[in-house]
C-alpha atoms as a PDB file:
ATOM      1  CA  MET A   1       8.435   1.191 -18.615  1.00  0.00           C
ATOM      2  CA  ARG A   2       7.746  -2.179 -17.070  1.00  0.00           C
ATOM      3  CA  ASN A   3       5.401  -4.796 -18.434  1.00  0.00           C
ATOM      4  CA  PHE A   4       4.940  -7.425 -15.742  1.00  0.00           C
ATOM      5  CA  VAL A   5       4.656 -11.144 -16.429  1.00  0.00           C
ATOM      6  CA  ARG A   6       5.032 -14.080 -14.067  1.00  0.00           C
ATOM      7  CA  ALA A   7       8.497 -15.402 -13.354  1.00  0.00           C
ATOM      8  CA  GLY A   8      10.211 -18.208 -11.445  1.00  0.00           C
ATOM      9  CA  ALA A   9      11.846 -18.026  -8.022  1.00  0.00           C
ATOM     10  CA  VAL A  10      14.797 -15.759  -7.354  1.00  0.00           C
ATOM     11  CA  ALA A  11      17.181 -15.742  -4.399  1.00  0.00           C
ATOM     12  CA  LEU A  12      18.390 -12.357  -3.170  1.00  0.00           C
ATOM     13  CA  ALA A  13      21.356 -11.965  -0.874  1.00  0.00           C
ATOM     14  CA  ALA A  14      21.349  -9.617   2.113  1.00  0.00           C
ATOM     15  CA  GLY A  15      22.831  -6.126   1.671  1.00  0.00           C
ATOM     16  CA  THR A  16      23.489  -2.932   3.564  1.00  0.00           C
ATOM     17  CA  VAL A  17      20.828  -0.506   4.822  1.00  0.00           C
ATOM     18  CA  VAL A  18      21.568   3.224   4.683  1.00  0.00           C
ATOM     19  CA  LEU A  19      19.222   5.253   6.872  1.00  0.00           C
ATOM     20  CA  GLY A  20      20.742   8.689   7.156  1.00  0.00           C
ATOM     21  CA  GLY A  21      20.660  11.677   4.807  1.00  0.00           C
ATOM     22  CA  ALA A  22      20.013  11.671   1.087  1.00  0.00           C
ATOM     23  CA  VAL A  23      23.285   9.938   0.221  1.00  0.00           C
ATOM     24  CA  ALA A  24      22.951   6.997  -2.147  1.00  0.00           C
ATOM     25  CA  ALA A  25      23.710   3.449  -1.011  1.00  0.00           C
ATOM     26  CA  GLN A  26      26.758   2.084  -2.843  1.00  0.00           C
ATOM     27  CA  ALA A  27      26.613  -1.572  -3.776  1.00  0.00           C
ATOM     28  CA  ALA A  28      29.649  -3.800  -3.313  1.00  0.00           C
ATOM     29  CA  PRO A  29      31.549  -3.906  -6.629  1.00  0.00           C
ATOM     30  CA  ALA A  30      30.891  -6.753  -9.022  1.00  0.00           C
ATOM     31  CA  ALA A  31      33.368  -7.862 -11.680  1.00  0.00           C
ATOM     32  CA  ASP A  32      32.296  -5.338 -14.335  1.00  0.00           C
ATOM     33  CA  VAL A  33      29.272  -3.508 -12.894  1.00  0.00           C
ATOM     34  CA  THR A  34      28.657  -1.164  -9.991  1.00  0.00           C
ATOM     35  CA  PHE A  35      25.399   0.521  -8.999  1.00  0.00           C
ATOM     36  CA  THR A  36      23.883   2.961  -6.539  1.00  0.00           C
ATOM     37  CA  VAL A  37      20.340   3.288  -5.199  1.00  0.00           C
ATOM     38  CA  ASN A  38      18.877   6.038  -3.034  1.00  0.00           C
ATOM     39  CA  ARG A  39      16.508   5.536  -0.134  1.00  0.00           C
ATOM     40  CA  LEU A  40      12.765   5.637  -0.779  1.00  0.00           C
ATOM     41  CA  ILE A  41      11.067   8.761   0.573  1.00  0.00           C
ATOM     42  CA  LEU A  42       7.283   8.477   0.432  1.00  0.00           C
ATOM     43  CA  GLN A  43       5.854  11.962   0.186  1.00  0.00           C
ATOM     44  CA  PRO A  44       2.324  12.928   1.313  1.00  0.00           C
ATOM     45  CA  ALA A  45       0.255  13.246  -1.845  1.00  0.00           C
ATOM     46  CA  GLU A  46      -3.265  14.238  -2.766  1.00  0.00           C
ATOM     47  CA  SER A  47      -4.138  10.597  -2.059  1.00  0.00           C
ATOM     48  CA  GLY A  48      -1.837   8.543   0.165  1.00  0.00           C
ATOM     49  CA  HIS A  49       1.891   8.767  -0.539  1.00  0.00           C
ATOM     50  CA  THR A  50       4.101   8.590  -3.621  1.00  0.00           C
ATOM     51  CA  GLY A  51       7.844   8.168  -3.998  1.00  0.00           C
ATOM     52  CA  ARG A  52      10.562   6.756  -6.205  1.00  0.00           C
ATOM     53  CA  ILE A  53      14.029   5.309  -6.166  1.00  0.00           C
ATOM     54  CA  ARG A  54      16.762   6.008  -8.713  1.00  0.00           C
ATOM     55  CA  ILE A  55      19.139   3.202  -9.599  1.00  0.00           C
ATOM     56  CA  VAL A  56      22.309   4.070 -11.534  1.00  0.00           C
ATOM     57  CA  ILE A  57      24.105   1.085 -13.077  1.00  0.00           C
ATOM     58  CA  ARG A  58      27.653   1.682 -14.355  1.00  0.00           C
ATOM     59  CA  ASN A  59      29.553  -0.612 -16.682  1.00  0.00           C
ATOM     60  CA  THR A  60      33.183  -0.562 -15.537  1.00  0.00           C
ATOM     61  CA  GLY A  61      34.267  -3.351 -17.871  1.00  0.00           C
ATOM     62  CA  SER A  62      35.527  -3.440 -21.422  1.00  0.00           C
ATOM     63  CA  GLU A  63      32.506  -5.259 -22.907  1.00  0.00           C
ATOM     64  CA  PRO A  64      28.868  -4.136 -23.274  1.00  0.00           C
ATOM     65  CA  TYR A  65      26.641  -5.127 -20.343  1.00  0.00           C
ATOM     66  CA  SER A  66      23.186  -6.463 -21.232  1.00  0.00           C
ATOM     67  CA  GLY A  67      22.107  -8.024 -17.958  1.00  0.00           C
ATOM     68  CA  GLY A  68      19.125  -7.123 -15.832  1.00  0.00           C
ATOM     69  CA  PHE A  69      18.124  -6.142 -12.318  1.00  0.00           C
ATOM     70  CA  SER A  70      15.533  -6.963  -9.687  1.00  0.00           C
ATOM     71  CA  ILE A  71      13.662  -4.788  -7.198  1.00  0.00           C
ATOM     72  CA  THR A  72      11.972  -6.087  -4.042  1.00  0.00           C
ATOM     73  CA  GLU A  73       9.420  -3.652  -2.674  1.00  0.00           C
ATOM     74  CA  PRO A  74       9.682  -2.767   1.048  1.00  0.00           C
ATOM     75  CA  ILE A  75       5.882  -2.556   1.527  1.00  0.00           C
ATOM     76  CA  ALA A  76       3.456  -4.936  -0.169  1.00  0.00           C
ATOM     77  CA  GLU A  77       1.681  -3.683  -3.309  1.00  0.00           C
ATOM     78  CA  THR A  78       3.454  -0.331  -3.456  1.00  0.00           C
ATOM     79  CA  LEU A  79       5.735  -0.873  -6.468  1.00  0.00           C
ATOM     80  CA  GLY A  80       4.395   0.731  -9.639  1.00  0.00           C
ATOM     81  CA  ASP A  81       5.943   1.718 -12.971  1.00  0.00           C
ATOM     82  CA  ILE A  82       9.614   1.053 -13.644  1.00  0.00           C
ATOM     83  CA  GLU A  83      11.363   3.271 -16.184  1.00  0.00           C
ATOM     84  CA  GLY A  84      14.428   1.736 -17.796  1.00  0.00           C
ATOM     85  CA  GLY A  85      13.264  -1.874 -17.663  1.00  0.00           C
ATOM     86  CA  ALA A  86      10.846  -3.724 -19.933  1.00  0.00           C
ATOM     87  CA  GLY A  87       9.175  -7.141 -19.917  1.00  0.00           C
ATOM     88  CA  CYS A  88       9.535  -7.416 -16.140  1.00  0.00           C
ATOM     89  CA  GLY A  89       8.494 -10.612 -14.377  1.00  0.00           C
ATOM     90  CA  ILE A  90       6.900 -10.683 -10.928  1.00  0.00           C
ATOM     91  CA  ASN A  91       7.757 -12.987  -8.061  1.00  0.00           C
ATOM     92  CA  ARG A  92       6.668 -12.826  -4.428  1.00  0.00           C
ATOM     93  CA  THR A  93       8.479 -12.928  -1.105  1.00  0.00           C
ATOM     94  CA  PRO A  94       7.040 -15.234   1.593  1.00  0.00           C
ATOM     95  CA  ASP A  95       5.255 -12.202   3.088  1.00  0.00           C
ATOM     96  CA  ASN A  96       3.727 -11.352  -0.326  1.00  0.00           C
ATOM     97  CA  ARG A  97       5.897  -8.405  -1.331  1.00  0.00           C
ATOM     98  CA  GLN A  98       6.518  -8.033  -5.052  1.00  0.00           C
ATOM     99  CA  ILE A  99       9.869  -8.828  -6.652  1.00  0.00           C
ATOM    100  CA  ALA A 100      10.210  -7.296 -10.119  1.00  0.00           C
ATOM    101  CA  LEU A 101      12.782  -9.018 -12.361  1.00  0.00           C
ATOM    102  CA  CYS A 102      13.592  -6.837 -15.359  1.00  0.00           C
ATOM    103  CA  PRO A 103      15.943  -6.792 -18.327  1.00  0.00           C
ATOM    104  CA  LEU A 104      17.489  -3.444 -19.178  1.00  0.00           C
ATOM    105  CA  ASP A 105      15.867  -1.441 -21.955  1.00  0.00           C
ATOM    106  CA  SER A 106      19.221  -1.455 -23.771  1.00  0.00           C
ATOM    107  CA  GLU A 107      22.771  -2.639 -23.148  1.00  0.00           C
ATOM    108  CA  ILE A 108      25.287  -0.420 -21.375  1.00  0.00           C
ATOM    109  CA  ALA A 109      28.416   0.406 -23.319  1.00  0.00           C
ATOM    110  CA  PRO A 110      31.830   0.107 -21.638  1.00  0.00           C
ATOM    111  CA  GLY A 111      32.299   3.115 -19.381  1.00  0.00           C
ATOM    112  CA  GLY A 112      28.613   4.016 -19.727  1.00  0.00           C
ATOM    113  CA  SER A 113      25.696   3.969 -17.323  1.00  0.00           C
ATOM    114  CA  ALA A 114      21.943   3.402 -17.236  1.00  0.00           C
ATOM    115  CA  VAL A 115      19.366   5.038 -14.978  1.00  0.00           C
ATOM    116  CA  ILE A 116      16.396   3.069 -13.647  1.00  0.00           C
ATOM    117  CA  THR A 117      13.528   4.897 -11.927  1.00  0.00           C
ATOM    118  CA  ALA A 118      11.051   2.838  -9.907  1.00  0.00           C
ATOM    119  CA  HIS A 119       7.849   4.528  -8.753  1.00  0.00           C
ATOM    120  CA  PHE A 120       5.993   3.622  -5.556  1.00  0.00           C
ATOM    121  CA  ARG A 121       2.542   4.425  -4.217  1.00  0.00           C
ATOM    122  CA  SER A 122       1.178   3.751  -0.728  1.00  0.00           C
ATOM    123  CA  PRO A 123      -2.461   4.130   0.342  1.00  0.00           C
ATOM    124  CA  ALA A 124      -1.414   5.079   3.894  1.00  0.00           C
ATOM    125  CA  ARG A 125      -2.917   8.278   5.277  1.00  0.00           C
ATOM    126  CA  PRO A 126      -0.324  11.053   5.789  1.00  0.00           C
ATOM    127  CA  GLN A 127       0.557  11.596   9.454  1.00  0.00           C
ATOM    128  CA  PRO A 128       1.986  14.534  11.451  1.00  0.00           C
ATOM    129  CA  TYR A 129       5.054  12.408  12.251  1.00  0.00           C
ATOM    130  CA  ALA A 130       7.600  10.586  10.097  1.00  0.00           C
ATOM    131  CA  GLN A 131       7.455   6.796   9.787  1.00  0.00           C
ATOM    132  CA  ILE A 132       9.802   4.048   8.641  1.00  0.00           C
ATOM    133  CA  ALA A 133       8.798   0.704   7.153  1.00  0.00           C
ATOM    134  CA  PRO A 134       9.895  -2.318   9.212  1.00  0.00           C
ATOM    135  CA  LEU A 135      11.481  -3.997   6.189  1.00  0.00           C
ATOM    136  CA  ALA A 136      13.851  -2.524   3.654  1.00  0.00           C
ATOM    137  CA  GLY A 137      13.455  -2.927  -0.071  1.00  0.00           C
ATOM    138  CA  SER A 138      16.342  -4.237  -2.148  1.00  0.00           C
ATOM    139  CA  VAL A 139      17.912  -3.982  -5.590  1.00  0.00           C
ATOM    140  CA  GLU A 140      19.993  -6.762  -7.140  1.00  0.00           C
ATOM    141  CA  VAL A 141      22.319  -6.311 -10.118  1.00  0.00           C
ATOM    142  CA  ASP A 142      24.739  -8.916 -11.421  1.00  0.00           C
ATOM    143  CA  GLY A 143      24.529 -11.009  -8.238  1.00  0.00           C
ATOM    144  CA  VAL A 144      25.048  -8.112  -5.814  1.00  0.00           C
ATOM    145  CA  THR A 145      22.233  -6.871  -3.568  1.00  0.00           C
ATOM    146  CA  THR A 146      21.820  -3.527  -1.808  1.00  0.00           C
ATOM    147  CA  GLU A 147      18.919  -2.681   0.480  1.00  0.00           C
ATOM    148  CA  PHE A 148      17.145   0.663   0.682  1.00  0.00           C
ATOM    149  CA  PRO A 149      14.933   1.936   3.536  1.00  0.00           C
ATOM    150  CA  ALA A 150      11.421   3.318   3.032  1.00  0.00           C
ATOM    151  CA  LEU A 151      10.480   6.411   5.020  1.00  0.00           C
ATOM    152  CA  PHE A 152       7.206   8.331   5.141  1.00  0.00           C
ATOM    153  CA  ARG A 153       7.646  12.087   5.301  1.00  0.00           C
ATOM    154  CA  SER A 154       5.381  13.784   7.843  1.00  0.00           C
ATOM    155  CA  THR A 155       2.732  16.328   6.921  1.00  0.00           C
ATOM    156  CA  THR A 156       5.057  18.984   8.365  1.00  0.00           C
ATOM    157  CA  GLY A 157       7.870  17.897   6.037  1.00  0.00           C
ATOM    158  CA  SER A 158      10.001  16.164   8.641  1.00  0.00           C
ATOM    159  CA  LEU A 159      11.883  12.856   8.380  1.00  0.00           C
ATOM    160  CA  ARG A 160      13.329  13.074  11.895  1.00  0.00           C
ATOM    161  CA  ASN A 161      12.687  10.471  14.599  1.00  0.00           C
ATOM    162  CA  PRO A 162      10.538   8.202  12.427  1.00  0.00           C
ATOM    163  CA  GLN A 163       8.060   5.935  14.184  1.00  0.00           C
ATOM    164  CA  PRO A 164       7.596   2.329  13.011  1.00  0.00           C
ATOM    165  CA  TYR A 165       5.074   2.054  10.205  1.00  0.00           C
ATOM    166  CA  VAL A 166       2.446  -0.632  10.836  1.00  0.00           C
ATOM    167  CA  GLN A 167       0.323  -1.551   7.812  1.00  0.00           C
ATOM    168  CA  ASP A 168      -3.282  -2.660   8.350  1.00  0.00           C
ATOM    169  CA  THR A 169      -4.042  -6.337   7.813  1.00  0.00           C
ATOM    170  CA  THR A 170      -7.844  -5.990   7.758  1.00  0.00           C
ATOM    171  CA  GLY A 171      -9.752  -3.952   5.209  1.00  0.00           C
ATOM    172  CA  ALA A 172     -12.342  -1.254   5.924  1.00  0.00           C
ATOM    173  CA  LEU A 173     -14.428  -0.471   2.856  1.00  0.00           C
ATOM    174  CA  ALA A 174     -17.872   1.115   3.180  1.00  0.00           C
ATOM    175  CA  VAL A 175     -20.222   0.944   0.187  1.00  0.00           C
ATOM    176  CA  THR A 176     -23.395   2.958  -0.472  1.00  0.00           C
ATOM    177  CA  ALA A 177     -25.634   2.205  -3.470  1.00  0.00           C
ATOM    178  CA  ALA A 178     -28.645   4.364  -4.369  1.00  0.00           C
ATOM    179  CA  ASP A 179     -32.039   3.109  -5.539  1.00  0.00           C
ATOM    180  CA  VAL A 180     -32.725   3.425  -9.259  1.00  0.00           C
ATOM    181  CA  THR A 181     -35.744   4.182 -11.448  1.00  0.00           C
ATOM    182  CA  LEU A 182     -35.545   2.956 -15.040  1.00  0.00           C
ATOM    183  CA  THR A 183     -37.011   5.469 -17.473  1.00  0.00           C
ATOM    184  CA  ARG A 184     -38.186   5.124 -21.057  1.00  0.00           C
ATOM    185  CA  GLN A 185     -35.494   5.755 -23.701  1.00  0.00           C
ATOM    186  CA  ALA A 186     -35.806   7.001 -27.287  1.00  0.00           C
ATOM    187  CA  ASP A 187     -35.749   3.415 -28.608  1.00  0.00           C
ATOM    188  CA  GLY A 188     -38.547   2.346 -26.267  1.00  0.00           C
ATOM    189  CA  THR A 189     -36.392   0.425 -23.796  1.00  0.00           C
ATOM    190  CA  PHE A 190     -35.850   1.416 -20.173  1.00  0.00           C
ATOM    191  CA  ALA A 191     -32.537   2.421 -18.577  1.00  0.00           C
ATOM    192  CA  GLY A 192     -31.218   3.799 -15.333  1.00  0.00           C
ATOM    193  CA  ARG A 193     -28.039   4.228 -13.320  1.00  0.00           C
ATOM    194  CA  VAL A 194     -27.173   3.050  -9.810  1.00  0.00           C
ATOM    195  CA  PRO A 195     -24.665   5.462  -8.220  1.00  0.00           C
ATOM    196  CA  VAL A 196     -22.231   3.619  -5.939  1.00  0.00           C
ATOM    197  CA  THR A 197     -19.791   5.274  -3.541  1.00  0.00           C
ATOM    198  CA  VAL A 198     -17.012   3.379  -1.781  1.00  0.00           C
ATOM    199  CA  ARG A 199     -14.912   4.771   1.057  1.00  0.00           C
ATOM    200  CA  ASN A 200     -11.650   3.211   2.209  1.00  0.00           C
ATOM    201  CA  ASP A 201     -10.558   3.617   5.839  1.00  0.00           C
ATOM    202  CA  SER A 202      -7.633   1.196   5.744  1.00  0.00           C
ATOM    203  CA  ASP A 203      -4.119   1.156   4.280  1.00  0.00           C
ATOM    204  CA  VAL A 204      -4.272  -2.602   3.702  1.00  0.00           C
ATOM    205  CA  ALA A 205      -2.100  -3.699   0.776  1.00  0.00           C
ATOM    206  CA  HIS A 206      -4.023  -3.721  -2.516  1.00  0.00           C
ATOM    207  CA  ARG A 207      -3.606  -2.964  -6.230  1.00  0.00           C
ATOM    208  CA  GLY A 208      -7.102  -1.601  -6.841  1.00  0.00           C
ATOM    209  CA  LEU A 209     -10.790  -2.345  -6.327  1.00  0.00           C
ATOM    210  CA  TRP A 210     -13.066  -5.094  -7.595  1.00  0.00           C
ATOM    211  CA  THR A 211     -16.864  -4.837  -7.627  1.00  0.00           C
ATOM    212  CA  GLU A 212     -19.725  -7.239  -8.294  1.00  0.00           C
ATOM    213  CA  VAL A 213     -23.456  -6.781  -8.760  1.00  0.00           C
ATOM    214  CA  VAL A 214     -26.428  -9.152  -8.778  1.00  0.00           C
ATOM    215  CA  VAL A 215     -29.719  -8.090 -10.360  1.00  0.00           C
ATOM    216  CA  PRO A 216     -33.090  -9.887 -10.612  1.00  0.00           C
ATOM    217  CA  ALA A 217     -34.833 -11.359 -13.629  1.00  0.00           C
ATOM    218  CA  GLY A 218     -36.504  -8.901 -15.989  1.00  0.00           C
ATOM    219  CA  LEU A 219     -33.479  -6.840 -16.924  1.00  0.00           C
ATOM    220  CA  GLU A 220     -31.795  -7.051 -20.312  1.00  0.00           C
ATOM    221  CA  GLY A 221     -28.192  -8.225 -20.691  1.00  0.00           C
ATOM    222  CA  TRP A 222     -25.354  -7.635 -18.275  1.00  0.00           C
ATOM    223  CA  PRO A 223     -25.260  -4.517 -16.121  1.00  0.00           C
ATOM    224  CA  ALA A 224     -22.534  -2.174 -17.395  1.00  0.00           C
ATOM    225  CA  ILE A 225     -20.158  -0.114 -15.282  1.00  0.00           C
ATOM    226  CA  GLU A 226     -19.202   3.535 -15.749  1.00  0.00           C
ATOM    227  CA  PRO A 227     -16.380   4.501 -15.938  1.00  0.00           C
ATOM    228  CA  SER A 228     -16.060   1.402 -18.091  1.00  0.00           C
ATOM    229  CA  ASP A 229     -13.545  -1.316 -17.266  1.00  0.00           C
ATOM    230  CA  VAL A 230     -12.970  -5.061 -17.599  1.00  0.00           C
ATOM    231  CA  CYS A 231     -16.017  -7.173 -16.591  1.00  0.00           C
ATOM    232  CA  VAL A 232     -16.648 -10.923 -16.368  1.00  0.00           C
ATOM    233  CA  PRO A 233     -19.516 -13.189 -15.198  1.00  0.00           C
ATOM    234  CA  THR A 234     -19.353 -14.028 -11.489  1.00  0.00           C
ATOM    235  CA  ASP A 235     -21.266 -16.127  -8.976  1.00  0.00           C
ATOM    236  CA  ARG A 236     -19.996 -15.035  -5.567  1.00  0.00           C
ATOM    237  CA  LEU A 237     -23.173 -13.256  -4.505  1.00  0.00           C
ATOM    238  CA  PRO A 238     -26.427 -15.265  -4.348  1.00  0.00           C
ATOM    239  CA  VAL A 239     -28.151 -15.021  -7.739  1.00  0.00           C
ATOM    240  CA  PRO A 240     -31.982 -15.183  -7.813  1.00  0.00           C
ATOM    241  CA  PRO A 241     -33.723 -17.384 -10.423  1.00  0.00           C
ATOM    242  CA  GLY A 242     -33.397 -15.719 -13.810  1.00  0.00           C
ATOM    243  CA  GLY A 243     -31.058 -13.067 -12.441  1.00  0.00           C
ATOM    244  CA  VAL A 244     -27.500 -12.305 -13.485  1.00  0.00           C
ATOM    245  CA  SER A 245     -24.229 -11.482 -11.724  1.00  0.00           C
ATOM    246  CA  VAL A 246     -21.247  -9.619 -13.118  1.00  0.00           C
ATOM    247  CA  GLY A 247     -17.925  -8.465 -11.679  1.00  0.00           C
ATOM    248  CA  CYS A 248     -15.734  -5.593 -12.871  1.00  0.00           C
ATOM    249  CA  THR A 249     -12.526  -3.794 -12.070  1.00  0.00           C
ATOM    250  CA  VAL A 250     -13.223  -0.356 -10.612  1.00  0.00           C
ATOM    251  CA  TYR A 251     -11.434   2.315 -12.644  1.00  0.00           C
ATOM    252  CA  GLY A 252      -8.727   4.240 -10.789  1.00  0.00           C
ATOM    253  CA  GLY A 253      -6.438   1.648  -9.226  1.00  0.00           C
ATOM    254  CA  GLN A 254      -5.437   1.837  -5.585  1.00  0.00           C
ATOM    255  CA  LEU A 255      -7.774   3.758  -3.240  1.00  0.00           C
ATOM    256  CA  ALA A 256      -6.006   5.681  -0.490  1.00  0.00           C
ATOM    257  CA  GLU A 257      -6.954   5.525   3.166  1.00  0.00           C
ATOM    258  CA  GLY A 258      -9.644   8.094   3.955  1.00  0.00           C
ATOM    259  CA  GLU A 259     -10.582   8.553   0.294  1.00  0.00           C
ATOM    260  CA  GLU A 260     -13.811   7.881  -1.628  1.00  0.00           C
ATOM    261  CA  ARG A 261     -14.499   6.788  -5.205  1.00  0.00           C
ATOM    262  CA  SER A 262     -17.764   6.682  -7.143  1.00  0.00           C
ATOM    263  CA  PHE A 263     -18.976   4.689 -10.129  1.00  0.00           C
ATOM    264  CA  GLU A 264     -22.321   3.661 -11.624  1.00  0.00           C
ATOM    265  CA  TRP A 265     -24.030   0.449 -12.613  1.00  0.00           C
ATOM    266  CA  VAL A 266     -26.040   0.942 -15.808  1.00  0.00           C
ATOM    267  CA  LEU A 267     -29.199  -1.193 -15.999  1.00  0.00           C
ATOM    268  CA  THR A 268     -31.532  -1.709 -18.957  1.00  0.00           C
ATOM    269  CA  ALA A 269     -34.910  -3.401 -19.392  1.00  0.00           C
ATOM    270  CA  PRO A 270     -36.939  -4.367 -22.490  1.00  0.00           C
ATOM    271  CA  ALA A 271     -39.561  -2.012 -23.935  1.00  0.00           C
ATOM    272  CA  GLU A 272     -42.430  -4.291 -22.836  1.00  0.00           C
ATOM    273  CA  THR A 273     -41.434  -4.221 -19.153  1.00  0.00           C
ATOM    274  CA  ALA A 274     -44.377  -3.376 -16.899  1.00  0.00           C
ATOM    275  CA  ALA A 275     -44.225  -0.270 -14.729  1.00  0.00           C
ATOM    276  CA  GLY A 276     -43.641  -0.686 -10.996  1.00  0.00           C
ATOM    277  CA  PRO A 277     -41.146  -2.395  -8.676  1.00  0.00           C
ATOM    278  CA  LEU A 278     -38.867  -4.856 -10.468  1.00  0.00           C
ATOM    279  CA  GLY A 279     -36.961  -6.146  -7.446  1.00  0.00           C
ATOM    280  CA  SER A 280     -33.687  -5.409  -5.711  1.00  0.00           C
ATOM    281  CA  GLY A 281     -30.021  -5.702  -6.553  1.00  0.00           C
ATOM    282  CA  THR A 282     -26.906  -6.181  -4.435  1.00  0.00           C
ATOM    283  CA  THR A 283     -23.423  -4.836  -5.005  1.00  0.00           C
ATOM    284  CA  LEU A 284     -20.119  -5.380  -3.222  1.00  0.00           C
ATOM    285  CA  VAL A 285     -16.664  -3.831  -3.478  1.00  0.00           C
ATOM    286  CA  GLU A 286     -13.452  -5.605  -2.443  1.00  0.00           C
ATOM    287  CA  TYR A 287      -9.732  -4.959  -2.601  1.00  0.00           C
ATOM    288  CA  ALA A 288      -7.993  -6.411  -5.639  1.00  0.00           C
ATOM    289  CA  GLY A 289      -4.699  -8.221  -5.063  1.00  0.00           C
ATOM    290  CA  SER A 290      -5.051  -8.258  -1.293  1.00  0.00           C
ATOM    291  CA  ASP A 291      -5.017 -10.790   1.523  1.00  0.00           C
ATOM    292  CA  GLY A 292      -6.494  -8.234   3.922  1.00  0.00           C
ATOM    293  CA  GLN A 293     -10.204  -8.648   3.304  1.00  0.00           C
ATOM    294  CA  GLN A 294     -12.566  -7.204   5.875  1.00  0.00           C
ATOM    295  CA  SER A 295     -14.614  -9.165   8.382  1.00  0.00           C
ATOM    296  CA  ASP A 296     -17.836  -7.107   8.327  1.00  0.00           C
ATOM    297  CA  SER A 297     -20.421  -6.508   5.589  1.00  0.00           C
ATOM    298  CA  ALA A 298     -19.971  -2.742   5.237  1.00  0.00           C
ATOM    299  CA  ASN A 299     -18.629  -3.337   1.726  1.00  0.00           C
ATOM    300  CA  VAL A 300     -22.013  -4.717   0.563  1.00  0.00           C
ATOM    301  CA  ASP A 301     -25.207  -2.730  -0.100  1.00  0.00           C
ATOM    302  CA  THR A 302     -28.598  -3.362  -1.713  1.00  0.00           C
ATOM    303  CA  PHE A 303     -30.749  -1.124  -3.892  1.00  0.00           C
ATOM    304  CA  SER A 304     -34.285  -1.221  -5.231  1.00  0.00           C
ATOM    305  CA  ILE A 305     -35.147  -1.183  -8.946  1.00  0.00           C
ATOM    306  CA  THR A 306     -38.338   0.477 -10.181  1.00  0.00           C
ATOM    307  CA  VAL A 307     -39.638   0.874 -13.744  1.00  0.00           C
ATOM    308  CA  ALA A 308     -41.231   4.249 -14.431  1.00  0.00           C
ATOM    309  CA  GLY A 309     -44.852   4.360 -15.617  1.00  0.00           C
END
């Protein structure tokens, strides 16, 4: 399975696109290696679409082959796990599609073969008609490149007469945060949870979600997030005197178009905190790994904080 790290530039030559049927695309023969790759069929899933390609690399020479391969995704931020390659590096095309550059898990003996499976996930909402991505993906092995098309299967199961797929370039997240009352805990301190719900109505390219929260003075430590994930100090939202701001990855990765996700901010206050209103907080949610940020403020919401008597 892949483990992505950054890599230098790579040049990929043009190849051949195969659009019809389920027949694999045969790469032009190299000196000692040949390979095939099937087209990418993105199937309607519980959330968005999922699909995979299968790359079969054959060693036709008399010496073991220990080279690598690269995969360029057809649609930005859709390439996921790669089985059969490890320590993959990531490059970018000029239009910000990922290029994974991977060594093989193990060398291929003369006359043998290796199978690579690359998984894809798209946040696009399933449609009652088939679609085809405007750009093909590509696979490169030993200096030879073959392209593969990406098609979205319709909700009726059809791949016939696909319409052009047009990915959103502007995000559409809507965030709702509930008010919170901090109640006395067994150790004397106060604690409470702020439920946050985010809805995505865009298929803009993204890897996942990022959230930030600002809270006023009087609370204790950083707000925590549940489900827990990686958090760091931030300063993008205005921070009141004595307040704090923190940003965290939202657990769950990519959020499909038309789907919702919920999480909670966990707030605490010292035992000596006086009862009554403590102030208000603000939270935002954005796409992670995306250029398609939204132009409105629907992804930001405020909530009031009260300490119970």
